Amino acid sequence: MSKILTYIHRFKNADRGIKIIFLLFLFFQLVLLRPVLHKYDPVGYYSLMRSIVIDGDINISDEFEHFGFDGLCLVKTKTPNPAQPWSVGCSILWSPFFIIAHLGVVVANYLGFSMPANGYTLPYLRLVSFGSTFYALIGLMLIFQMIKSYYNSSIATMSVVSIWLASPLVFYMYSHPMMSHANDMFAYSLLLWTWVRLRKTGKIWPDYALAGASAGLAALIRNQNAVLAVLIILLIIIEVARQKLSWRRGLLAVSIFSISWWVVFSPQLYVWHATFGEWFPGNPSSHVGGGNFHQGFPWIIEVMFSDNRGLFLWHPLLLFGVTGLLFFFNKR
């Protein structure tokens, strides 16, 4: 009881923006959340976690058969495990919520309720869905703290609520929480928050280790996010070239960042090797007919301005945000 009172006291003394974001989060949680598992990607991300926790393996054949997708994406590989292109980051982030649900179902059955403890029932889906929204909430709070470090609380609150509700994030938090996007947003926010903190403190340790872990988590959630690590290393090299960082400290920063990145990303290497028989299978989607990435940016204009869900046409507030970011970059 004392802990609850402590949390209530902390909430009362929290920044008004934090209160607004948290209360909106609770409201949308009640009226918008749909813990429904459908389509290939949500089933793929969820099946990997369910197979690891319940079956103790990474063979998702029975999960796909349960959801009626057997034979569609389960291409044979060099190993006994079928090919599957879904990254492991979501499974890792969701696992605490899944395990809590599993323990709850086991206890409920012990008390006389009848509910299959198989990873498919509503308690599992609801808690895992909540997990996605919870991570996105942390991401929103991190963004709030970043903006507040440059502007006042009112601007930070308005900015966070705006990009939350006028972007695809609100959809992927509540209508499609078992996609990877809400977790992906959390990883991006953590990396940005870490980089802003690092720029202010200038500490090689532990800030570059945390930055490497954040970038590794982003790549663990969506493998193409590995490009973020390259960008961070380029920024360190630029700092050395501009003599804002000595070459010794620059080399140490790159080393600490890289080691931390690989440690966090290592579960993906294990799953790739156990699935494809290779530590680096290239683009995993290509193994199941998903095609390969194109060199360069052949459709960058369409991505931003196409009438078929172009980012800035569907969510014009983001165009204002990017424009403001350019002015911000000019000053800082």
Foldseek 3Di string as FASTA:
>chain_A
DVVVVVVVVVLVVDDPLLVVLVVVLVVCLVVFADLDQDDDQLLLQLQQLLCCVPVVDRASQVSCVVRVNHPQQFDAAPAPHGFDQAFHLLSVQLNVQQVVLLVVVVVVVVVPDDDDSRCPDDSNSSSSLVSLSVLLSLLLVLQLVVVCVPPPNVVSSVVSVQCCVLACNSCCSHVVVSHLVSVLSSLVSQLVSLVVVCVVPVDLPPSLLSNLLSLLSNCSSPVVSVVVLVVVLVVLVVCCVVVVAPVVSSVSSNVSSNVSSCVNNVVRQVVCCNHHVHSDPDNSCVSRVNDDDDPDCPCPVCCQDNPPPRRCVSRVVVVVVVVVVVVVVVVD
